[in-house]
């Protein structure tokens, strides 16, 4: 298993190099001039040339990319054009809030999605099954910005249970609306996946054997069947969690949540090249490590997968 992890980590090196190249190329293709944005509306050409020189934008593109890679090897993600602060410091300052939002949203989606999917599979064809799948279809069909506005209108404006937006570390109510907005949509997809996977598992021989031995139906479904049905569900949860950690730009913008997603959007609007490049690289690394963690979790859920991973590592 250890060798497999080392091999996976080694494969991330060319992936990260490719990410740096793509991020650098995309920032170069962005319309607008960051030097002109920093100079303001009233500027002189000599001031514009001085700012470009200070930012290194007057160098050839290969030279700019080489300087960028050189900084990365020193652990430097660059300095923001807009704030003058190190990009790494700004990301580390915002990432805990994104982590809090992502963890809360995934807790909502995993509990709600797996629970509804398991109940729907057990009551297949009944009213509970139909209502659960109606919820799942609605959650998948409604765009995030629509569900965000509906939740904001109901819980913040009509019921006045939570603040409409913003972040206050001493008030957990500010977390409710963005976590629900993200979690409900994922819960809908997870519920459908759990239902279909569990129905397939419940038709296998070992489940029929357990029932024939007199094992209670609840134990058959939730202790034996659900554990074997969770492998594809864990994949889905891991991908969603990685995307949430990568910053939910729309949700964070709607609710004024000061996380990585909002930081990335501000960097794009400001043409802040170091912030854009540093954010893309930082979030790509997070996504890679989340996927690796999901692979390791497969082995905990299914011993057959654990043996396969061990043989791949020793091979």
C-alpha atoms as a PDB file:
ATOM      1  CA  UNK A   1       0.000   0.000   0.000  1.00  0.00           C
ATOM      2  CA  UNK A   2       2.833   2.408   0.874  1.00  0.00           C
ATOM      3  CA  UNK A   3       4.498   1.799  -2.483  1.00  0.00           C
ATOM      4  CA  UNK A   4       1.225   2.490  -4.233  1.00  0.00           C
ATOM      5  CA  UNK A   5       0.895   5.833  -2.439  1.00  0.00           C
ATOM      6  CA  UNK A   6       4.481   6.762  -3.335  1.00  0.00           C
ATOM      7  CA  UNK A   7       3.868   5.884  -6.980  1.00  0.00           C
ATOM      8  CA  UNK A   8       0.700   7.968  -7.039  1.00  0.00           C
ATOM      9  CA  UNK A   9       2.504  10.919  -5.503  1.00  0.00           C
ATOM     10  CA  UNK A  10       5.262  10.608  -8.099  1.00  0.00           C
ATOM     11  CA  UNK A  11       2.721  10.800 -10.910  1.00  0.00           C
ATOM     12  CA  UNK A  12       1.452  14.121  -9.549  1.00  0.00           C
ATOM     13  CA  UNK A  13       4.725  15.868 -10.502  1.00  0.00           C
ATOM     14  CA  UNK A  14       4.100  15.940 -14.282  1.00  0.00           C
ATOM     15  CA  UNK A  15       0.439  16.714 -13.591  1.00  0.00           C
ATOM     16  CA  UNK A  16       1.400  19.781 -11.547  1.00  0.00           C
ATOM     17  CA  UNK A  17       3.864  20.910 -14.226  1.00  0.00           C
ATOM     18  CA  UNK A  18       1.083  20.652 -16.795  1.00  0.00           C
ATOM     19  CA  UNK A  19      -1.196  22.672 -14.504  1.00  0.00           C
ATOM     20  CA  UNK A  20       1.407  25.431 -14.208  1.00  0.00           C
ATOM     21  CA  UNK A  21       1.733  25.600 -17.994  1.00  0.00           C
ATOM     22  CA  UNK A  22      -2.031  25.747 -18.536  1.00  0.00           C
ATOM     23  CA  UNK A  23      -2.517  28.357 -15.795  1.00  0.00           C
ATOM     24  CA  UNK A  24       0.275  30.522 -17.209  1.00  0.00           C
ATOM     25  CA  UNK A  25      -1.077  30.242 -20.758  1.00  0.00           C
ATOM     26  CA  UNK A  26      -4.629  31.109 -19.689  1.00  0.00           C
ATOM     27  CA  UNK A  27      -3.518  34.207 -17.799  1.00  0.00           C
ATOM     28  CA  UNK A  28      -1.614  35.354 -20.866  1.00  0.00           C
ATOM     29  CA  UNK A  29      -4.765  34.921 -22.967  1.00  0.00           C
ATOM     30  CA  UNK A  30      -6.960  36.928 -20.597  1.00  0.00           C
ATOM     31  CA  UNK A  31      -8.097  40.230 -22.121  1.00  0.00           C
ATOM     32  CA  UNK A  32      -6.957  43.409 -20.414  1.00  0.00           C
ATOM     33  CA  UNK A  33      -3.706  44.709 -19.002  1.00  0.00           C
ATOM     34  CA  UNK A  34      -2.966  44.362 -15.262  1.00  0.00           C
ATOM     35  CA  UNK A  35      -0.474  47.226 -15.444  1.00  0.00           C
ATOM     36  CA  UNK A  36      -3.127  49.519 -16.906  1.00  0.00           C
ATOM     37  CA  UNK A  37      -5.576  48.442 -14.183  1.00  0.00           C
ATOM     38  CA  UNK A  38      -3.032  49.297 -11.479  1.00  0.00           C
ATOM     39  CA  UNK A  39      -2.133  52.615 -13.084  1.00  0.00           C
ATOM     40  CA  UNK A  40      -5.730  53.837 -12.948  1.00  0.00           C
ATOM     41  CA  UNK A  41      -7.679  55.905 -15.449  1.00  0.00           C
ATOM     42  CA  UNK A  42      -5.241  58.826 -15.549  1.00  0.00           C
ATOM     43  CA  UNK A  43      -1.799  57.503 -16.301  1.00  0.00           C
ATOM     44  CA  UNK A  44       1.259  58.432 -18.266  1.00  0.00           C
ATOM     45  CA  UNK A  45       2.971  56.064 -20.659  1.00  0.00           C
ATOM     46  CA  UNK A  46       6.206  56.219 -18.673  1.00  0.00           C
ATOM     47  CA  UNK A  47       4.294  55.208 -15.523  1.00  0.00           C
ATOM     48  CA  UNK A  48       2.716  52.326 -17.413  1.00  0.00           C
ATOM     49  CA  UNK A  49       6.128  51.180 -18.655  1.00  0.00           C
ATOM     50  CA  UNK A  50       7.558  51.401 -15.131  1.00  0.00           C
ATOM     51  CA  UNK A  51       4.731  49.295 -13.681  1.00  0.00           C
ATOM     52  CA  UNK A  52       5.135  46.664 -16.419  1.00  0.00           C
ATOM     53  CA  UNK A  53       8.863  46.503 -15.655  1.00  0.00           C
ATOM     54  CA  UNK A  54       8.277  46.170 -11.914  1.00  0.00           C
ATOM     55  CA  UNK A  55       5.783  43.366 -12.489  1.00  0.00           C
ATOM     56  CA  UNK A  56       8.029  41.620 -15.015  1.00  0.00           C
ATOM     57  CA  UNK A  57       5.423  41.889 -17.758  1.00  0.00           C
ATOM     58  CA  UNK A  58       7.871  43.444 -20.211  1.00  0.00           C
ATOM     59  CA  UNK A  59       9.919  40.225 -20.379  1.00  0.00           C
ATOM     60  CA  UNK A  60       9.365  37.577 -23.096  1.00  0.00           C
ATOM     61  CA  UNK A  61       6.782  34.948 -22.207  1.00  0.00           C
ATOM     62  CA  UNK A  62       9.320  32.066 -21.910  1.00  0.00           C
ATOM     63  CA  UNK A  63      11.319  34.204 -19.483  1.00  0.00           C
ATOM     64  CA  UNK A  64       8.208  34.963 -17.434  1.00  0.00           C
ATOM     65  CA  UNK A  65       7.314  31.269 -17.279  1.00  0.00           C
ATOM     66  CA  UNK A  66      10.869  30.301 -16.274  1.00  0.00           C
ATOM     67  CA  UNK A  67      10.790  32.884 -13.486  1.00  0.00           C
ATOM     68  CA  UNK A  68       7.411  31.535 -12.373  1.00  0.00           C
ATOM     69  CA  UNK A  69       8.707  27.945 -12.196  1.00  0.00           C
ATOM     70  CA  UNK A  70      11.811  29.128 -10.362  1.00  0.00           C
ATOM     71  CA  UNK A  71       9.664  30.770  -7.689  1.00  0.00           C
ATOM     72  CA  UNK A  72       7.573  27.616  -7.333  1.00  0.00           C
ATOM     73  CA  UNK A  73      10.651  25.497  -6.615  1.00  0.00           C
ATOM     74  CA  UNK A  74      11.430  27.922  -3.793  1.00  0.00           C
ATOM     75  CA  UNK A  75       7.895  27.510  -2.454  1.00  0.00           C
ATOM     76  CA  UNK A  76       6.846  30.989  -3.609  1.00  0.00           C
ATOM     77  CA  UNK A  77       3.476  31.346  -5.329  1.00  0.00           C
ATOM     78  CA  UNK A  78       4.216  34.960  -6.175  1.00  0.00           C
ATOM     79  CA  UNK A  79       3.006  38.324  -4.934  1.00  0.00           C
ATOM     80  CA  UNK A  80      -0.447  39.648  -5.716  1.00  0.00           C
ATOM     81  CA  UNK A  81      -0.492  42.588  -8.116  1.00  0.00           C
ATOM     82  CA  UNK A  82      -3.578  44.013  -6.410  1.00  0.00           C
ATOM     83  CA  UNK A  83      -2.706  43.716  -2.712  1.00  0.00           C
ATOM     84  CA  UNK A  84       1.076  43.417  -2.718  1.00  0.00           C
ATOM     85  CA  UNK A  85       0.841  40.434  -0.360  1.00  0.00           C
ATOM     86  CA  UNK A  86       2.200  36.910  -0.965  1.00  0.00           C
ATOM     87  CA  UNK A  87      -0.394  34.776  -2.741  1.00  0.00           C
ATOM     88  CA  UNK A  88       0.382  31.798  -0.487  1.00  0.00           C
ATOM     89  CA  UNK A  89      -0.399  33.861   2.618  1.00  0.00           C
ATOM     90  CA  UNK A  90      -3.708  35.049   1.181  1.00  0.00           C
ATOM     91  CA  UNK A  91      -4.720  31.527   0.165  1.00  0.00           C
ATOM     92  CA  UNK A  92      -3.848  30.078   3.569  1.00  0.00           C
ATOM     93  CA  UNK A  93      -5.829  32.868   5.173  1.00  0.00           C
ATOM     94  CA  UNK A  94      -8.949  32.074   3.146  1.00  0.00           C
ATOM     95  CA  UNK A  95      -8.657  28.300   2.832  1.00  0.00           C
ATOM     96  CA  UNK A  96      -9.893  27.457   6.381  1.00  0.00           C
ATOM     97  CA  UNK A  97     -13.191  29.175   5.579  1.00  0.00           C
ATOM     98  CA  UNK A  98     -13.502  27.234   2.326  1.00  0.00           C
ATOM     99  CA  UNK A  99     -12.631  24.022   4.213  1.00  0.00           C
ATOM    100  CA  UNK A 100     -15.327  24.792   6.792  1.00  0.00           C
ATOM    101  CA  UNK A 101     -17.913  25.395   4.077  1.00  0.00           C
ATOM    102  CA  UNK A 102     -16.892  22.301   2.092  1.00  0.00           C
ATOM    103  CA  UNK A 103     -16.930  20.037   5.153  1.00  0.00           C
ATOM    104  CA  UNK A 104     -20.329  21.309   6.277  1.00  0.00           C
ATOM    105  CA  UNK A 105     -21.811  20.963   2.788  1.00  0.00           C
ATOM    106  CA  UNK A 106     -20.489  17.423   2.399  1.00  0.00           C
ATOM    107  CA  UNK A 107     -21.836  16.450   5.832  1.00  0.00           C
ATOM    108  CA  UNK A 108     -25.274  17.670   4.730  1.00  0.00           C
ATOM    109  CA  UNK A 109     -25.081  15.931   1.355  1.00  0.00           C
ATOM    110  CA  UNK A 110     -23.640  12.634   2.644  1.00  0.00           C
ATOM    111  CA  UNK A 111     -26.107  12.223   5.513  1.00  0.00           C
ATOM    112  CA  UNK A 112     -29.102  13.351   3.505  1.00  0.00           C
ATOM    113  CA  UNK A 113     -28.133  11.646   0.238  1.00  0.00           C
ATOM    114  CA  UNK A 114     -27.047   8.265   1.636  1.00  0.00           C
ATOM    115  CA  UNK A 115     -29.987   8.191   4.049  1.00  0.00           C
ATOM    116  CA  UNK A 116     -32.607   8.978   1.408  1.00  0.00           C
ATOM    117  CA  UNK A 117     -31.005   6.623  -1.120  1.00  0.00           C
ATOM    118  CA  UNK A 118     -30.896   3.723   1.346  1.00  0.00           C
ATOM    119  CA  UNK A 119     -34.505   4.255   2.447  1.00  0.00           C
ATOM    120  CA  UNK A 120     -35.639   4.526  -1.176  1.00  0.00           C
ATOM    121  CA  UNK A 121     -33.850   1.276  -2.068  1.00  0.00           C
ATOM    122  CA  UNK A 122     -35.401  -0.531   0.889  1.00  0.00           C
ATOM    123  CA  UNK A 123     -38.876   0.801   0.033  1.00  0.00           C
ATOM    124  CA  UNK A 124     -38.428   0.379  -3.699  1.00  0.00           C
ATOM    125  CA  UNK A 125     -41.567   1.278  -5.620  1.00  0.00           C
ATOM    126  CA  UNK A 126     -43.309   2.776  -2.597  1.00  0.00           C
ATOM    127  CA  UNK A 127     -44.318   6.315  -1.770  1.00  0.00           C
ATOM    128  CA  UNK A 128     -41.064   6.978   0.102  1.00  0.00           C
ATOM    129  CA  UNK A 129     -39.083   5.869  -2.928  1.00  0.00           C
ATOM    130  CA  UNK A 130     -41.073   8.164  -5.222  1.00  0.00           C
ATOM    131  CA  UNK A 131     -40.766  11.161  -2.903  1.00  0.00           C
ATOM    132  CA  UNK A 132     -37.013  10.613  -2.487  1.00  0.00           C
ATOM    133  CA  UNK A 133     -36.438  10.432  -6.214  1.00  0.00           C
ATOM    134  CA  UNK A 134     -38.646  13.502  -6.737  1.00  0.00           C
ATOM    135  CA  UNK A 135     -36.375  15.367  -4.323  1.00  0.00           C
ATOM    136  CA  UNK A 136     -33.305  14.058  -6.166  1.00  0.00           C
ATOM    137  CA  UNK A 137     -34.675  15.098  -9.551  1.00  0.00           C
ATOM    138  CA  UNK A 138     -35.539  18.558  -8.233  1.00  0.00           C
ATOM    139  CA  UNK A 139     -32.129  18.991  -6.646  1.00  0.00           C
ATOM    140  CA  UNK A 140     -30.347  18.063  -9.867  1.00  0.00           C
ATOM    141  CA  UNK A 141     -32.567  20.177 -12.111  1.00  0.00           C
ATOM    142  CA  UNK A 142     -32.593  23.462 -10.154  1.00  0.00           C
ATOM    143  CA  UNK A 143     -29.493  25.610 -10.819  1.00  0.00           C
ATOM    144  CA  UNK A 144     -27.342  26.542  -7.830  1.00  0.00           C
ATOM    145  CA  UNK A 145     -28.031  30.262  -8.091  1.00  0.00           C
ATOM    146  CA  UNK A 146     -31.809  29.622  -8.119  1.00  0.00           C
ATOM    147  CA  UNK A 147     -31.724  27.355  -5.060  1.00  0.00           C
ATOM    148  CA  UNK A 148     -29.449  29.854  -3.304  1.00  0.00           C
ATOM    149  CA  UNK A 149     -31.903  32.692  -3.904  1.00  0.00           C
ATOM    150  CA  UNK A 150     -34.877  30.546  -2.812  1.00  0.00           C
ATOM    151  CA  UNK A 151     -33.154  29.468   0.404  1.00  0.00           C
ATOM    152  CA  UNK A 152     -32.068  33.044   1.089  1.00  0.00           C
ATOM    153  CA  UNK A 153     -35.604  34.328   0.546  1.00  0.00           C
ATOM    154  CA  UNK A 154     -37.211  31.671   2.776  1.00  0.00           C
ATOM    155  CA  UNK A 155     -34.810  31.378   5.706  1.00  0.00           C
ATOM    156  CA  UNK A 156     -33.303  34.882   5.780  1.00  0.00           C
ATOM    157  CA  UNK A 157     -36.054  37.212   4.558  1.00  0.00           C
ATOM    158  CA  UNK A 158     -39.300  35.428   5.439  1.00  0.00           C
ATOM    159  CA  UNK A 159     -38.454  33.355   8.526  1.00  0.00           C
ATOM    160  CA  UNK A 160     -35.448  35.487   9.598  1.00  0.00           C
ATOM    161  CA  UNK A 161     -33.706  32.480  11.104  1.00  0.00           C
ATOM    162  CA  UNK A 162     -30.264  33.192   9.624  1.00  0.00           C
ATOM    163  CA  UNK A 163     -28.330  36.184   8.248  1.00  0.00           C
ATOM    164  CA  UNK A 164     -28.692  36.647   4.475  1.00  0.00           C
ATOM    165  CA  UNK A 165     -24.951  36.719   3.717  1.00  0.00           C
ATOM    166  CA  UNK A 166     -21.498  37.387   5.076  1.00  0.00           C
ATOM    167  CA  UNK A 167     -19.207  35.492   7.425  1.00  0.00           C
ATOM    168  CA  UNK A 168     -18.852  35.896  11.178  1.00  0.00           C
ATOM    169  CA  UNK A 169     -16.657  33.316  12.904  1.00  0.00           C
ATOM    170  CA  UNK A 170     -18.604  33.692  16.163  1.00  0.00           C
ATOM    171  CA  UNK A 171     -21.997  33.166  14.498  1.00  0.00           C
ATOM    172  CA  UNK A 172     -22.439  29.642  13.051  1.00  0.00           C
ATOM    173  CA  UNK A 173     -25.744  30.728  11.491  1.00  0.00           C
ATOM    174  CA  UNK A 174     -23.793  32.426   8.688  1.00  0.00           C
ATOM    175  CA  UNK A 175     -22.724  28.947   7.559  1.00  0.00           C
ATOM    176  CA  UNK A 176     -26.238  27.537   7.202  1.00  0.00           C
ATOM    177  CA  UNK A 177     -27.362  28.965   3.847  1.00  0.00           C
ATOM    178  CA  UNK A 178     -24.166  28.379   1.807  1.00  0.00           C
ATOM    179  CA  UNK A 179     -23.775  24.865   3.256  1.00  0.00           C
ATOM    180  CA  UNK A 180     -27.381  23.995   2.436  1.00  0.00           C
ATOM    181  CA  UNK A 181     -27.071  25.437  -1.075  1.00  0.00           C
ATOM    182  CA  UNK A 182     -24.070  23.254  -1.858  1.00  0.00           C
ATOM    183  CA  UNK A 183     -25.145  20.226   0.152  1.00  0.00           C
ATOM    184  CA  UNK A 184     -28.691  19.825  -1.160  1.00  0.00           C
ATOM    185  CA  UNK A 185     -27.558  19.650  -4.783  1.00  0.00           C
ATOM    186  CA  UNK A 186     -24.929  17.006  -4.004  1.00  0.00           C
ATOM    187  CA  UNK A 187     -27.396  15.128  -1.802  1.00  0.00           C
ATOM    188  CA  UNK A 188     -29.720  14.734  -4.777  1.00  0.00           C
ATOM    189  CA  UNK A 189     -27.011  13.084  -6.894  1.00  0.00           C
ATOM    190  CA  UNK A 190     -25.755  10.945  -3.997  1.00  0.00           C
ATOM    191  CA  UNK A 191     -29.294   9.742  -3.244  1.00  0.00           C
ATOM    192  CA  UNK A 192     -29.774   8.499  -6.806  1.00  0.00           C
ATOM    193  CA  UNK A 193     -26.365   6.799  -6.829  1.00  0.00           C
ATOM    194  CA  UNK A 194     -26.939   5.177  -3.420  1.00  0.00           C
ATOM    195  CA  UNK A 195     -30.343   3.875  -4.436  1.00  0.00           C
ATOM    196  CA  UNK A 196     -29.183   2.283  -7.683  1.00  0.00           C
ATOM    197  CA  UNK A 197     -26.024   0.827  -6.142  1.00  0.00           C
ATOM    198  CA  UNK A 198     -27.837  -0.575  -3.112  1.00  0.00           C
ATOM    199  CA  UNK A 199     -30.593  -2.148  -5.234  1.00  0.00           C
ATOM    200  CA  UNK A 200     -27.902  -3.950  -7.225  1.00  0.00           C
ATOM    201  CA  UNK A 201     -26.167  -5.180  -4.070  1.00  0.00           C
ATOM    202  CA  UNK A 202     -29.426  -6.356  -2.457  1.00  0.00           C
ATOM    203  CA  UNK A 203     -29.945  -8.738  -5.391  1.00  0.00           C
ATOM    204  CA  UNK A 204     -26.631 -10.535  -4.819  1.00  0.00           C
ATOM    205  CA  UNK A 205     -26.254 -14.024  -3.351  1.00  0.00           C
ATOM    206  CA  UNK A 206     -24.704 -13.093   0.010  1.00  0.00           C
ATOM    207  CA  UNK A 207     -27.698 -10.863   0.788  1.00  0.00           C
ATOM    208  CA  UNK A 208     -30.122 -13.696   0.031  1.00  0.00           C
ATOM    209  CA  UNK A 209     -28.017 -15.989   2.215  1.00  0.00           C
ATOM    210  CA  UNK A 210     -28.212 -13.531   5.112  1.00  0.00           C
ATOM    211  CA  UNK A 211     -31.967 -13.309   4.792  1.00  0.00           C
ATOM    212  CA  UNK A 212     -32.240 -17.092   4.634  1.00  0.00           C
ATOM    213  CA  UNK A 213     -30.311 -17.355   7.909  1.00  0.00           C
ATOM    214  CA  UNK A 214     -32.830 -15.091   9.584  1.00  0.00           C
ATOM    215  CA  UNK A 215     -30.758 -11.915   9.804  1.00  0.00           C
ATOM    216  CA  UNK A 216     -32.972  -8.911  10.436  1.00  0.00           C
ATOM    217  CA  UNK A 217     -33.839  -6.899   7.321  1.00  0.00           C
ATOM    218  CA  UNK A 218     -32.441  -3.699   8.819  1.00  0.00           C
ATOM    219  CA  UNK A 219     -29.089  -5.374   9.449  1.00  0.00           C
ATOM    220  CA  UNK A 220     -29.087  -6.902   5.964  1.00  0.00           C
ATOM    221  CA  UNK A 221     -29.710  -3.561   4.291  1.00  0.00           C
ATOM    222  CA  UNK A 222     -27.694  -1.147   6.392  1.00  0.00           C
ATOM    223  CA  UNK A 223     -24.891  -3.278   7.838  1.00  0.00           C
ATOM    224  CA  UNK A 224     -24.108  -5.646   4.970  1.00  0.00           C
ATOM    225  CA  UNK A 225     -25.685  -4.186   1.834  1.00  0.00           C
ATOM    226  CA  UNK A 226     -24.962  -0.494   2.312  1.00  0.00           C
ATOM    227  CA  UNK A 227     -21.264  -0.979   3.047  1.00  0.00           C
ATOM    228  CA  UNK A 228     -20.768  -2.851  -0.217  1.00  0.00           C
ATOM    229  CA  UNK A 229     -22.836  -0.306  -2.111  1.00  0.00           C
ATOM    230  CA  UNK A 230     -20.817   2.688  -0.901  1.00  0.00           C
ATOM    231  CA  UNK A 231     -17.774   2.315  -3.208  1.00  0.00           C
ATOM    232  CA  UNK A 232     -19.281   4.254  -6.162  1.00  0.00           C
ATOM    233  CA  UNK A 233     -20.930   6.649  -3.689  1.00  0.00           C
ATOM    234  CA  UNK A 234     -17.571   7.405  -2.053  1.00  0.00           C
ATOM    235  CA  UNK A 235     -16.187   8.251  -5.500  1.00  0.00           C
ATOM    236  CA  UNK A 236     -18.968  10.754  -6.002  1.00  0.00           C
ATOM    237  CA  UNK A 237     -18.549  12.239  -2.517  1.00  0.00           C
ATOM    238  CA  UNK A 238     -14.800  12.559  -3.039  1.00  0.00           C
ATOM    239  CA  UNK A 239     -15.187  14.356  -6.356  1.00  0.00           C
ATOM    240  CA  UNK A 240     -17.772  16.741  -4.900  1.00  0.00           C
ATOM    241  CA  UNK A 241     -15.629  17.405  -1.847  1.00  0.00           C
ATOM    242  CA  UNK A 242     -12.639  18.142  -4.058  1.00  0.00           C
ATOM    243  CA  UNK A 243     -14.684  20.575  -6.113  1.00  0.00           C
ATOM    244  CA  UNK A 244     -15.945  22.300  -2.953  1.00  0.00           C
ATOM    245  CA  UNK A 245     -12.392  22.629  -1.644  1.00  0.00           C
ATOM    246  CA  UNK A 246     -11.472  24.075  -5.006  1.00  0.00           C
ATOM    247  CA  UNK A 247     -13.788  26.940  -4.195  1.00  0.00           C
ATOM    248  CA  UNK A 248     -17.465  27.177  -5.013  1.00  0.00           C
ATOM    249  CA  UNK A 249     -17.227  30.488  -6.816  1.00  0.00           C
ATOM    250  CA  UNK A 250     -20.931  31.055  -7.391  1.00  0.00           C
ATOM    251  CA  UNK A 251     -22.067  30.133  -3.885  1.00  0.00           C
ATOM    252  CA  UNK A 252     -19.296  32.075  -2.167  1.00  0.00           C
ATOM    253  CA  UNK A 253     -20.073  35.122  -4.312  1.00  0.00           C
ATOM    254  CA  UNK A 254     -23.836  35.006  -3.643  1.00  0.00           C
ATOM    255  CA  UNK A 255     -23.400  34.714   0.114  1.00  0.00           C
ATOM    256  CA  UNK A 256     -20.290  36.953   0.355  1.00  0.00           C
ATOM    257  CA  UNK A 257     -18.343  34.039   1.836  1.00  0.00           C
ATOM    258  CA  UNK A 258     -14.661  35.080   2.022  1.00  0.00           C
ATOM    259  CA  UNK A 259     -13.172  31.827   0.766  1.00  0.00           C
ATOM    260  CA  UNK A 260     -10.870  30.678  -2.007  1.00  0.00           C
ATOM    261  CA  UNK A 261     -13.622  30.756  -4.644  1.00  0.00           C
ATOM    262  CA  UNK A 262     -14.350  34.414  -4.021  1.00  0.00           C
ATOM    263  CA  UNK A 263     -10.610  35.138  -4.022  1.00  0.00           C
ATOM    264  CA  UNK A 264     -10.228  33.434  -7.408  1.00  0.00           C
ATOM    265  CA  UNK A 265     -13.091  35.463  -8.872  1.00  0.00           C
ATOM    266  CA  UNK A 266     -11.628  38.724  -7.590  1.00  0.00           C
ATOM    267  CA  UNK A 267      -8.226  37.789  -9.009  1.00  0.00           C
ATOM    268  CA  UNK A 268      -9.724  37.173 -12.455  1.00  0.00           C
ATOM    269  CA  UNK A 269     -11.632  40.459 -12.416  1.00  0.00           C
ATOM    270  CA  UNK A 270      -8.479  42.348 -11.405  1.00  0.00           C
ATOM    271  CA  UNK A 271      -6.265  40.552 -13.940  1.00  0.00           C
ATOM    272  CA  UNK A 272      -4.088  39.557 -10.972  1.00  0.00           C
ATOM    273  CA  UNK A 273      -1.865  37.008 -12.748  1.00  0.00           C
ATOM    274  CA  UNK A 274       0.123  35.699  -9.723  1.00  0.00           C
ATOM    275  CA  UNK A 275      -3.092  35.258  -7.717  1.00  0.00           C
ATOM    276  CA  UNK A 276      -4.775  33.371 -10.582  1.00  0.00           C
ATOM    277  CA  UNK A 277      -1.789  31.109 -11.201  1.00  0.00           C
ATOM    278  CA  UNK A 278      -1.196  30.442  -7.505  1.00  0.00           C
ATOM    279  CA  UNK A 279      -4.851  29.679  -6.873  1.00  0.00           C
ATOM    280  CA  UNK A 280      -5.090  27.246  -9.794  1.00  0.00           C
ATOM    281  CA  UNK A 281      -1.959  25.379  -8.681  1.00  0.00           C
ATOM    282  CA  UNK A 282      -3.001  25.317  -5.016  1.00  0.00           C
ATOM    283  CA  UNK A 283      -6.476  23.995  -5.767  1.00  0.00           C
ATOM    284  CA  UNK A 284      -5.173  21.437  -8.257  1.00  0.00           C
ATOM    285  CA  UNK A 285      -2.901  19.988  -5.581  1.00  0.00           C
ATOM    286  CA  UNK A 286      -5.836  19.766  -3.185  1.00  0.00           C
ATOM    287  CA  UNK A 287      -7.941  17.947  -5.786  1.00  0.00           C
ATOM    288  CA  UNK A 288      -5.152  15.434  -6.456  1.00  0.00           C
ATOM    289  CA  UNK A 289      -4.717  14.658  -2.757  1.00  0.00           C
ATOM    290  CA  UNK A 290      -8.467  14.301  -2.229  1.00  0.00           C
ATOM    291  CA  UNK A 291      -8.602  11.736  -5.044  1.00  0.00           C
ATOM    292  CA  UNK A 292      -5.696   9.857  -3.458  1.00  0.00           C
ATOM    293  CA  UNK A 293      -7.529   9.817  -0.121  1.00  0.00           C
ATOM    294  CA  UNK A 294     -10.629   8.441  -1.862  1.00  0.00           C
ATOM    295  CA  UNK A 295      -8.559   5.622  -3.372  1.00  0.00           C
ATOM    296  CA  UNK A 296      -7.265   4.737   0.093  1.00  0.00           C
ATOM    297  CA  UNK A 297     -10.814   4.747   1.453  1.00  0.00           C
ATOM    298  CA  UNK A 298     -11.832   2.166  -1.154  1.00  0.00           C
ATOM    299  CA  UNK A 299      -9.550  -0.333   0.567  1.00  0.00           C
ATOM    300  CA  UNK A 300     -11.207   0.305   3.923  1.00  0.00           C
ATOM    301  CA  UNK A 301     -14.648  -0.358   2.422  1.00  0.00           C
ATOM    302  CA  UNK A 302     -13.788  -3.369   0.279  1.00  0.00           C
ATOM    303  CA  UNK A 303     -10.918  -5.796   1.167  1.00  0.00           C
ATOM    304  CA  UNK A 304     -10.756  -6.925  -2.471  1.00  0.00           C
ATOM    305  CA  UNK A 305      -9.796  -3.413  -3.554  1.00  0.00           C
ATOM    306  CA  UNK A 306      -7.239  -3.216  -0.735  1.00  0.00           C
ATOM    307  CA  UNK A 307      -5.553  -6.374  -2.023  1.00  0.00           C
ATOM    308  CA  UNK A 308      -5.554  -4.989  -5.557  1.00  0.00           C
ATOM    309  CA  UNK A 309      -3.929  -1.727  -4.435  1.00  0.00           C
ATOM    310  CA  UNK A 310      -1.320  -3.664  -2.474  1.00  0.00           C
ATOM    311  CA  UNK A 311      -0.466  -5.822  -5.494  1.00  0.00           C
ATOM    312  CA  UNK A 312      -0.173  -2.725  -7.698  1.00  0.00           C
ATOM    313  CA  UNK A 313       2.217  -1.146  -5.219  1.00  0.00           C
ATOM    314  CA  UNK A 314       4.430  -4.243  -5.076  1.00  0.00           C
ATOM    315  CA  UNK A 315       4.332  -4.753  -8.822  1.00  0.00           C
END
